[in-house]
Amino acid sequence: MINFDAENKYILEGTYQVSMSEKDMHYALKPAVLLNFMQDLAAKSIDKIDTDLSCDALLAKGLGWFLIRYRIEFDDYPIGVDKIKILTECRGGNRMTTFRDFECFDADTGKRLLRAVTSWFVVNLNSKSIVNISQEFPQFISFEKRDDDLALQKIKPISQSDCEKVFHVRYDDLDMNGHVNNTVYITWAMEVLDFDFRSKHKLKTLDIYFKHEVKYGDDIISSVKIDRENLTSEHLITDANTGEEVCLLKASYVAI
């Protein structure tokens, strides 16, 4: 269910039912599902704000929205939650970069589960150049910083790993632009964590930096460095053929 704010078109609320297949063995919401809910609401939001900036309108012009960074801080990771209420606010743009905030709640109890900030580019799909959104779409609002804003974090690539796995890009991993959907990267990253650690911990914070695209048929290497004392993990996803850094992630955890 999607609810529009009649007084502020930049805010949108959506409620998402969580199916059994979207939960893990502890009834925790799978991370990729959570990111998918958030990205779905973001797409609906931009459609409402300006039809010229909708995913379909941009695609017709050879352009596309690209999610670049996430910072998510969990009040309590969703476990045993059947409905997620998500609020998203488009915060506007600053030349090349646009920003969007999220809050997620247990729809049944009203308990807040997380806050998040994201950054996005509009990219020319042919030249791969970043569009100056302030020039190309002057009607788009400008970003204004607030005192309580979350800060996007810098992530450094790891030089050594504790474990790595190779994944092959499948057809079902692709989005409407023919690129790997952003939610797939979190699955690749978390799958490298060992079963014992993964099954006994839940996310407290999550930072993601999407650097380069991968396409159908590519192989990627997902590597992880785990700090079991401080309950953090650092992840590096690279193109198996070129060695190019594709995605960086950093996460912190608490015991379940």
C-alpha atoms as a PDB file:
ATOM      1  CA  MET A   1       0.000   0.000   0.000  1.00  0.00           C
ATOM      2  CA  ILE A   2       1.381   3.395  -1.031  1.00  0.00           C
ATOM      3  CA  ASN A   3       0.279   6.613   0.704  1.00  0.00           C
ATOM      4  CA  PHE A   4       0.973  10.008  -0.829  1.00  0.00           C
ATOM      5  CA  ASP A   5       1.569  13.128   1.268  1.00  0.00           C
ATOM      6  CA  ALA A   6      -0.816  15.695  -0.174  1.00  0.00           C
ATOM      7  CA  GLU A   7       1.170  18.569   1.358  1.00  0.00           C
ATOM      8  CA  ASN A   8       4.683  17.435   0.407  1.00  0.00           C
ATOM      9  CA  LYS A   9       5.251  15.510  -2.809  1.00  0.00           C
ATOM     10  CA  TYR A  10       8.839  14.750  -1.793  1.00  0.00           C
ATOM     11  CA  ILE A  11       7.692  12.394   0.989  1.00  0.00           C
ATOM     12  CA  LEU A  12       6.173   8.998   0.257  1.00  0.00           C
ATOM     13  CA  GLU A  13       5.050   6.162   2.525  1.00  0.00           C
ATOM     14  CA  GLY A  14       4.701   2.521   1.563  1.00  0.00           C
ATOM     15  CA  THR A  15       3.729  -0.615   3.465  1.00  0.00           C
ATOM     16  CA  TYR A  16       5.170  -3.953   2.372  1.00  0.00           C
ATOM     17  CA  GLN A  17       3.955  -7.398   3.404  1.00  0.00           C
ATOM     18  CA  VAL A  18       6.810  -9.774   4.262  1.00  0.00           C
ATOM     19  CA  SER A  19       6.310 -13.314   2.955  1.00  0.00           C
ATOM     20  CA  MET A  20       7.799 -16.426   4.553  1.00  0.00           C
ATOM     21  CA  SER A  21      10.264 -16.811   1.687  1.00  0.00           C
ATOM     22  CA  GLU A  22      11.623 -13.328   2.489  1.00  0.00           C
ATOM     23  CA  LYS A  23      12.678 -14.348   6.027  1.00  0.00           C
ATOM     24  CA  ASP A  24      15.635 -16.428   7.156  1.00  0.00           C
ATOM     25  CA  MET A  25      15.787 -19.282   9.686  1.00  0.00           C
ATOM     26  CA  HIS A  26      15.436 -16.774  12.561  1.00  0.00           C
ATOM     27  CA  TYR A  27      12.463 -15.061  10.855  1.00  0.00           C
ATOM     28  CA  ALA A  28      14.728 -12.094  10.153  1.00  0.00           C
ATOM     29  CA  LEU A  29      14.039 -10.116   6.999  1.00  0.00           C
ATOM     30  CA  LYS A  30      16.667 -10.994   4.403  1.00  0.00           C
ATOM     31  CA  PRO A  31      18.896  -7.950   3.709  1.00  0.00           C
ATOM     32  CA  ALA A  32      18.329  -8.074  -0.058  1.00  0.00           C
ATOM     33  CA  VAL A  33      14.561  -7.988   0.492  1.00  0.00           C
ATOM     34  CA  LEU A  34      14.843  -4.910   2.699  1.00  0.00           C
ATOM     35  CA  LEU A  35      16.920  -3.071   0.093  1.00  0.00           C
ATOM     36  CA  ASN A  36      14.472  -4.120  -2.605  1.00  0.00           C
ATOM     37  CA  PHE A  37      11.552  -2.634  -0.648  1.00  0.00           C
ATOM     38  CA  MET A  38      13.451   0.637  -0.207  1.00  0.00           C
ATOM     39  CA  GLN A  39      14.438   0.873  -3.873  1.00  0.00           C
ATOM     40  CA  ASP A  40      10.901   0.061  -4.993  1.00  0.00           C
ATOM     41  CA  LEU A  41       9.535   2.942  -2.928  1.00  0.00           C
ATOM     42  CA  ALA A  42      12.272   5.259  -4.234  1.00  0.00           C
ATOM     43  CA  ALA A  43      11.191   4.507  -7.816  1.00  0.00           C
ATOM     44  CA  LYS A  44       7.542   5.174  -6.977  1.00  0.00           C
ATOM     45  CA  SER A  45       8.546   8.401  -5.250  1.00  0.00           C
ATOM     46  CA  ILE A  46      10.456   9.864  -8.196  1.00  0.00           C
ATOM     47  CA  ASP A  47       7.555   8.954 -10.504  1.00  0.00           C
ATOM     48  CA  LYS A  48       5.305  11.065  -8.268  1.00  0.00           C
ATOM     49  CA  ILE A  49       7.716  13.985  -7.919  1.00  0.00           C
ATOM     50  CA  ASP A  50       8.429  14.581 -11.613  1.00  0.00           C
ATOM     51  CA  THR A  51       7.354  12.366 -14.513  1.00  0.00           C
ATOM     52  CA  ASP A  52      10.341  13.666 -16.525  1.00  0.00           C
ATOM     53  CA  LEU A  53      12.619  12.022 -13.954  1.00  0.00           C
ATOM     54  CA  SER A  54      10.752   8.721 -13.725  1.00  0.00           C
ATOM     55  CA  CYS A  55      12.660   5.536 -14.524  1.00  0.00           C
ATOM     56  CA  ASP A  56      10.683   5.022 -17.735  1.00  0.00           C
ATOM     57  CA  ALA A  57      11.101   8.637 -18.891  1.00  0.00           C
ATOM     58  CA  LEU A  58      14.857   8.575 -18.305  1.00  0.00           C
ATOM     59  CA  LEU A  59      15.223   5.203 -20.009  1.00  0.00           C
ATOM     60  CA  ALA A  60      13.476   6.587 -23.100  1.00  0.00           C
ATOM     61  CA  LYS A  61      16.223   9.245 -23.215  1.00  0.00           C
ATOM     62  CA  GLY A  62      19.030   6.735 -22.748  1.00  0.00           C
ATOM     63  CA  LEU A  63      19.475   7.728 -19.108  1.00  0.00           C
ATOM     64  CA  GLY A  64      19.074   5.857 -15.845  1.00  0.00           C
ATOM     65  CA  TRP A  65      19.108   6.287 -12.094  1.00  0.00           C
ATOM     66  CA  PHE A  66      22.145   4.683 -10.436  1.00  0.00           C
ATOM     67  CA  LEU A  67      22.270   4.125  -6.688  1.00  0.00           C
ATOM     68  CA  ILE A  68      25.796   4.917  -5.473  1.00  0.00           C
ATOM     69  CA  ARG A  69      25.934   4.792  -1.673  1.00  0.00           C
ATOM     70  CA  TYR A  70      24.001   3.536   1.338  1.00  0.00           C
ATOM     71  CA  ARG A  71      24.355   4.303   5.026  1.00  0.00           C
ATOM     72  CA  ILE A  72      21.877   2.343   7.170  1.00  0.00           C
ATOM     73  CA  GLU A  73      21.697   2.534  10.968  1.00  0.00           C
ATOM     74  CA  PHE A  74      19.432  -0.040  12.585  1.00  0.00           C
ATOM     75  CA  ASP A  75      17.568   0.699  15.811  1.00  0.00           C
ATOM     76  CA  ASP A  76      16.651  -2.977  15.771  1.00  0.00           C
ATOM     77  CA  TYR A  77      17.039  -5.294  12.792  1.00  0.00           C
ATOM     78  CA  PRO A  78      13.593  -6.581  11.682  1.00  0.00           C
ATOM     79  CA  ILE A  79      13.034 -10.084  13.088  1.00  0.00           C
ATOM     80  CA  GLY A  80       9.551 -11.569  13.224  1.00  0.00           C
ATOM     81  CA  VAL A  81       8.127  -8.541  11.437  1.00  0.00           C
ATOM     82  CA  ASP A  82       5.262  -9.280   9.050  1.00  0.00           C
ATOM     83  CA  LYS A  83       4.722  -5.792   7.609  1.00  0.00           C
ATOM     84  CA  ILE A  84       7.278  -3.051   7.013  1.00  0.00           C
ATOM     85  CA  LYS A  85       6.235   0.597   6.756  1.00  0.00           C
ATOM     86  CA  ILE A  86       8.786   2.714   4.909  1.00  0.00           C
ATOM     87  CA  LEU A  87       8.996   6.491   4.671  1.00  0.00           C
ATOM     88  CA  THR A  88      11.227   8.027   2.031  1.00  0.00           C
ATOM     89  CA  GLU A  89      12.044  11.658   1.377  1.00  0.00           C
ATOM     90  CA  CYS A  90      13.745  13.005  -1.721  1.00  0.00           C
ATOM     91  CA  ARG A  91      16.213  15.580  -0.389  1.00  0.00           C
ATOM     92  CA  GLY A  92      17.145  17.074  -3.750  1.00  0.00           C
ATOM     93  CA  GLY A  93      20.380  17.347  -5.660  1.00  0.00           C
ATOM     94  CA  ASN A  94      23.760  19.057  -5.668  1.00  0.00           C
ATOM     95  CA  ARG A  95      25.109  19.186  -9.235  1.00  0.00           C
ATOM     96  CA  MET A  96      25.821  15.519  -9.973  1.00  0.00           C
ATOM     97  CA  THR A  97      24.537  13.869  -6.799  1.00  0.00           C
ATOM     98  CA  THR A  98      21.030  13.498  -5.426  1.00  0.00           C
ATOM     99  CA  PHE A  99      20.118  12.335  -1.932  1.00  0.00           C
ATOM    100  CA  ARG A 100      17.244  10.348  -0.475  1.00  0.00           C
ATOM    101  CA  ASP A 101      16.434   9.468   3.153  1.00  0.00           C
ATOM    102  CA  PHE A 102      14.538   6.497   4.546  1.00  0.00           C
ATOM    103  CA  GLU A 103      12.956   5.407   7.796  1.00  0.00           C
ATOM    104  CA  CYS A 104      11.502   1.928   8.305  1.00  0.00           C
ATOM    105  CA  PHE A 105       9.010   0.821  10.951  1.00  0.00           C
ATOM    106  CA  ASP A 106       7.247  -2.316  12.124  1.00  0.00           C
ATOM    107  CA  ALA A 107       3.845  -1.535  10.604  1.00  0.00           C
ATOM    108  CA  ASP A 108       2.001  -3.435  13.359  1.00  0.00           C
ATOM    109  CA  THR A 109       3.694  -1.904  16.414  1.00  0.00           C
ATOM    110  CA  GLY A 110       4.959   1.421  15.053  1.00  0.00           C
ATOM    111  CA  LYS A 111       8.471   0.674  16.329  1.00  0.00           C
ATOM    112  CA  ARG A 112      11.203   2.300  14.250  1.00  0.00           C
ATOM    113  CA  LEU A 113      13.646  -0.205  12.805  1.00  0.00           C
ATOM    114  CA  LEU A 114      16.164   1.927  10.922  1.00  0.00           C
ATOM    115  CA  ARG A 115      17.244   5.195   9.372  1.00  0.00           C
ATOM    116  CA  ALA A 116      19.108   5.407   6.085  1.00  0.00           C
ATOM    117  CA  VAL A 117      20.601   7.885   3.646  1.00  0.00           C
ATOM    118  CA  THR A 118      21.374   7.144   0.007  1.00  0.00           C
ATOM    119  CA  SER A 119      23.046   8.982  -2.856  1.00  0.00           C
ATOM    120  CA  TRP A 120      22.245   8.619  -6.549  1.00  0.00           C
ATOM    121  CA  PHE A 121      23.492   9.639 -10.003  1.00  0.00           C
ATOM    122  CA  VAL A 122      21.642  10.029 -13.278  1.00  0.00           C
ATOM    123  CA  VAL A 123      23.884   8.323 -15.850  1.00  0.00           C
ATOM    124  CA  ASN A 124      23.968   8.319 -19.647  1.00  0.00           C
ATOM    125  CA  LEU A 125      23.613   4.609 -20.414  1.00  0.00           C
ATOM    126  CA  ASN A 126      25.574   4.862 -23.664  1.00  0.00           C
ATOM    127  CA  SER A 127      28.522   7.070 -22.725  1.00  0.00           C
ATOM    128  CA  LYS A 128      28.458   6.109 -19.001  1.00  0.00           C
ATOM    129  CA  SER A 129      28.905   9.795 -18.175  1.00  0.00           C
ATOM    130  CA  ILE A 130      27.236  11.311 -15.123  1.00  0.00           C
ATOM    131  CA  VAL A 131      24.526  13.846 -15.892  1.00  0.00           C
ATOM    132  CA  ASN A 132      24.619  17.230 -14.157  1.00  0.00           C
ATOM    133  CA  ILE A 133      21.090  17.038 -12.824  1.00  0.00           C
ATOM    134  CA  SER A 134      21.058  20.710 -11.785  1.00  0.00           C
ATOM    135  CA  GLN A 135      21.643  21.738 -15.409  1.00  0.00           C
ATOM    136  CA  GLU A 136      19.604  19.089 -17.232  1.00  0.00           C
ATOM    137  CA  PHE A 137      16.649  19.209 -14.837  1.00  0.00           C
ATOM    138  CA  PRO A 138      16.677  22.715 -13.299  1.00  0.00           C
ATOM    139  CA  GLN A 139      13.231  22.137 -11.786  1.00  0.00           C
ATOM    140  CA  PHE A 140      14.710  19.522  -9.429  1.00  0.00           C
ATOM    141  CA  ILE A 141      15.086  20.820  -5.870  1.00  0.00           C
ATOM    142  CA  SER A 142      18.495  21.632  -4.396  1.00  0.00           C
ATOM    143  CA  PHE A 143      19.851  19.699  -1.435  1.00  0.00           C
ATOM    144  CA  GLU A 144      19.852  21.507   1.919  1.00  0.00           C
ATOM    145  CA  LYS A 145      21.725  19.953   4.851  1.00  0.00           C
ATOM    146  CA  ARG A 146      19.979  19.387   8.200  1.00  0.00           C
ATOM    147  CA  ASP A 147      21.486  19.022  11.665  1.00  0.00           C
ATOM    148  CA  ASP A 148      20.263  15.444  12.140  1.00  0.00           C
ATOM    149  CA  ASP A 149      21.344  14.105   8.733  1.00  0.00           C
ATOM    150  CA  LEU A 150      23.116  10.764   8.621  1.00  0.00           C
ATOM    151  CA  ALA A 151      26.580  10.925   7.065  1.00  0.00           C
ATOM    152  CA  LEU A 152      27.618   8.710   4.183  1.00  0.00           C
ATOM    153  CA  GLN A 153      30.791   6.857   5.175  1.00  0.00           C
ATOM    154  CA  LYS A 154      34.005   6.352   3.234  1.00  0.00           C
ATOM    155  CA  ILE A 155      34.914   2.688   2.738  1.00  0.00           C
ATOM    156  CA  LYS A 156      38.456   1.525   2.035  1.00  0.00           C
ATOM    157  CA  PRO A 157      39.023  -1.695   0.064  1.00  0.00           C
ATOM    158  CA  ILE A 158      40.521  -4.565   2.031  1.00  0.00           C
ATOM    159  CA  SER A 159      44.021  -5.729   1.068  1.00  0.00           C
ATOM    160  CA  GLN A 160      43.711  -9.187   2.627  1.00  0.00           C
ATOM    161  CA  SER A 161      40.676 -11.415   3.094  1.00  0.00           C
ATOM    162  CA  ASP A 162      39.661 -14.267   5.369  1.00  0.00           C
ATOM    163  CA  CYS A 163      37.449 -15.926   2.800  1.00  0.00           C
ATOM    164  CA  GLU A 164      36.266 -15.463  -0.770  1.00  0.00           C
ATOM    165  CA  LYS A 165      33.796 -17.023  -3.182  1.00  0.00           C
ATOM    166  CA  VAL A 166      33.161 -16.729  -6.909  1.00  0.00           C
ATOM    167  CA  PHE A 167      29.657 -15.964  -8.191  1.00  0.00           C
ATOM    168  CA  HIS A 168      28.343 -16.048 -11.753  1.00  0.00           C
ATOM    169  CA  VAL A 169      25.942 -13.308 -12.887  1.00  0.00           C
ATOM    170  CA  ARG A 170      22.612 -14.910 -13.783  1.00  0.00           C
ATOM    171  CA  TYR A 171      19.803 -13.604 -15.970  1.00  0.00           C
ATOM    172  CA  ASP A 172      17.589 -13.255 -12.890  1.00  0.00           C
ATOM    173  CA  ASP A 173      20.189 -10.941 -11.306  1.00  0.00           C
ATOM    174  CA  LEU A 174      19.566  -8.243 -13.930  1.00  0.00           C
ATOM    175  CA  ASP A 175      17.418  -5.124 -13.623  1.00  0.00           C
ATOM    176  CA  MET A 176      15.485  -3.216 -16.270  1.00  0.00           C
ATOM    177  CA  ASN A 177      18.710  -1.569 -17.501  1.00  0.00           C
ATOM    178  CA  GLY A 178      20.325  -4.963 -18.095  1.00  0.00           C
ATOM    179  CA  HIS A 179      22.722  -4.473 -15.176  1.00  0.00           C
ATOM    180  CA  VAL A 180      22.947  -6.439 -11.956  1.00  0.00           C
ATOM    181  CA  ASN A 181      20.308  -5.224  -9.501  1.00  0.00           C
ATOM    182  CA  ASN A 182      21.829  -3.448  -6.503  1.00  0.00           C
ATOM    183  CA  THR A 183      20.162  -5.834  -4.076  1.00  0.00           C
ATOM    184  CA  VAL A 184      22.203  -8.758  -5.455  1.00  0.00           C
ATOM    185  CA  TYR A 185      25.477  -7.303  -4.153  1.00  0.00           C
ATOM    186  CA  ILE A 186      24.420  -7.583  -0.509  1.00  0.00           C
ATOM    187  CA  THR A 187      23.625 -11.271  -1.079  1.00  0.00           C
ATOM    188  CA  TRP A 188      27.039 -11.863  -2.660  1.00  0.00           C
ATOM    189  CA  ALA A 189      28.701 -10.093   0.273  1.00  0.00           C
ATOM    190  CA  MET A 190      26.825 -11.808   3.098  1.00  0.00           C
ATOM    191  CA  GLU A 191      27.093 -15.255   1.532  1.00  0.00           C
ATOM    192  CA  VAL A 192      30.847 -15.255   2.204  1.00  0.00           C
ATOM    193  CA  LEU A 193      30.337 -14.956   5.970  1.00  0.00           C
ATOM    194  CA  ASP A 194      30.523 -18.331   7.693  1.00  0.00           C
ATOM    195  CA  PHE A 195      27.278 -19.965   8.814  1.00  0.00           C
ATOM    196  CA  ASP A 196      28.082 -19.773  12.531  1.00  0.00           C
ATOM    197  CA  PHE A 197      28.751 -16.013  12.487  1.00  0.00           C
ATOM    198  CA  ARG A 198      25.831 -15.211  10.199  1.00  0.00           C
ATOM    199  CA  SER A 199      23.319 -17.272  12.163  1.00  0.00           C
ATOM    200  CA  LYS A 200      24.248 -15.708  15.529  1.00  0.00           C
ATOM    201  CA  HIS A 201      24.375 -12.007  14.575  1.00  0.00           C
ATOM    202  CA  LYS A 202      22.177  -9.318  13.073  1.00  0.00           C
ATOM    203  CA  LEU A 203      23.114  -6.104  11.323  1.00  0.00           C
ATOM    204  CA  LYS A 204      23.628  -2.920  13.342  1.00  0.00           C
ATOM    205  CA  THR A 205      25.026  -0.681  10.569  1.00  0.00           C
ATOM    206  CA  LEU A 206      25.564  -1.165   6.854  1.00  0.00           C
ATOM    207  CA  ASP A 207      27.542   0.951   4.390  1.00  0.00           C
ATOM    208  CA  ILE A 208      27.650   0.196   0.663  1.00  0.00           C
ATOM    209  CA  TYR A 209      29.511   1.882  -2.185  1.00  0.00           C
ATOM    210  CA  PHE A 210      28.600   0.761  -5.698  1.00  0.00           C
ATOM    211  CA  LYS A 211      31.589   1.568  -7.930  1.00  0.00           C
ATOM    212  CA  HIS A 212      31.134  -0.243 -11.236  1.00  0.00           C
ATOM    213  CA  GLU A 213      28.536  -2.321 -13.023  1.00  0.00           C
ATOM    214  CA  VAL A 214      28.705  -5.987 -13.904  1.00  0.00           C
ATOM    215  CA  LYS A 215      26.641  -7.684 -16.568  1.00  0.00           C
ATOM    216  CA  TYR A 216      25.177 -11.003 -17.541  1.00  0.00           C
ATOM    217  CA  GLY A 217      27.754 -13.780 -17.828  1.00  0.00           C
ATOM    218  CA  ASP A 218      30.409 -12.014 -15.753  1.00  0.00           C
ATOM    219  CA  ASP A 219      32.071 -13.719 -12.798  1.00  0.00           C
ATOM    220  CA  ILE A 220      32.725 -11.794  -9.593  1.00  0.00           C
ATOM    221  CA  ILE A 221      34.844 -12.523  -6.530  1.00  0.00           C
ATOM    222  CA  SER A 222      33.295 -11.694  -3.152  1.00  0.00           C
ATOM    223  CA  SER A 223      35.901 -11.334  -0.380  1.00  0.00           C
ATOM    224  CA  VAL A 224      35.503 -10.597   3.324  1.00  0.00           C
ATOM    225  CA  LYS A 225      37.657  -9.601   6.298  1.00  0.00           C
ATOM    226  CA  ILE A 226      35.950 -10.343   9.632  1.00  0.00           C
ATOM    227  CA  ASP A 227      36.770  -8.756  12.993  1.00  0.00           C
ATOM    228  CA  ARG A 228      35.093 -11.174  15.394  1.00  0.00           C
ATOM    229  CA  GLU A 229      36.094  -9.202  18.489  1.00  0.00           C
ATOM    230  CA  ASN A 230      34.541  -5.924  17.334  1.00  0.00           C
ATOM    231  CA  LEU A 231      31.791  -7.638  15.308  1.00  0.00           C
ATOM    232  CA  THR A 232      32.499  -5.958  11.987  1.00  0.00           C
ATOM    233  CA  SER A 233      33.027  -7.193   8.459  1.00  0.00           C
ATOM    234  CA  GLU A 234      34.592  -5.508   5.439  1.00  0.00           C
ATOM    235  CA  HIS A 235      33.711  -6.719   1.976  1.00  0.00           C
ATOM    236  CA  LEU A 236      35.218  -6.287  -1.473  1.00  0.00           C
ATOM    237  CA  ILE A 237      33.516  -7.435  -4.666  1.00  0.00           C
ATOM    238  CA  THR A 238      35.703  -7.470  -7.774  1.00  0.00           C
ATOM    239  CA  ASP A 239      35.370  -8.449 -11.415  1.00  0.00           C
ATOM    240  CA  ALA A 240      37.014 -11.874 -11.644  1.00  0.00           C
ATOM    241  CA  ASN A 241      38.339 -11.173 -15.147  1.00  0.00           C
ATOM    242  CA  THR A 242      39.674  -7.622 -14.797  1.00  0.00           C
ATOM    243  CA  GLY A 243      40.255  -7.293 -11.054  1.00  0.00           C
ATOM    244  CA  GLU A 244      38.268  -4.042 -11.084  1.00  0.00           C
ATOM    245  CA  GLU A 245      36.610  -3.058  -7.816  1.00  0.00           C
ATOM    246  CA  VAL A 246      32.863  -3.392  -8.270  1.00  0.00           C
ATOM    247  CA  CYS A 247      31.420  -2.814  -4.799  1.00  0.00           C
ATOM    248  CA  LEU A 248      32.665  -2.083  -1.273  1.00  0.00           C
ATOM    249  CA  LEU A 249      30.676  -2.875   1.866  1.00  0.00           C
ATOM    250  CA  LYS A 250      31.211  -2.513   5.587  1.00  0.00           C
ATOM    251  CA  ALA A 251      28.911  -3.849   8.287  1.00  0.00           C
ATOM    252  CA  SER A 252      28.706  -4.001  12.064  1.00  0.00           C
ATOM    253  CA  TYR A 253      26.662  -6.482  14.062  1.00  0.00           C
ATOM    254  CA  VAL A 254      25.121  -7.333  17.409  1.00  0.00           C
ATOM    255  CA  ALA A 255      24.309 -10.774  18.751  1.00  0.00           C
ATOM    256  CA  ILE A 256      20.832 -12.136  18.060  1.00  0.00           C
END
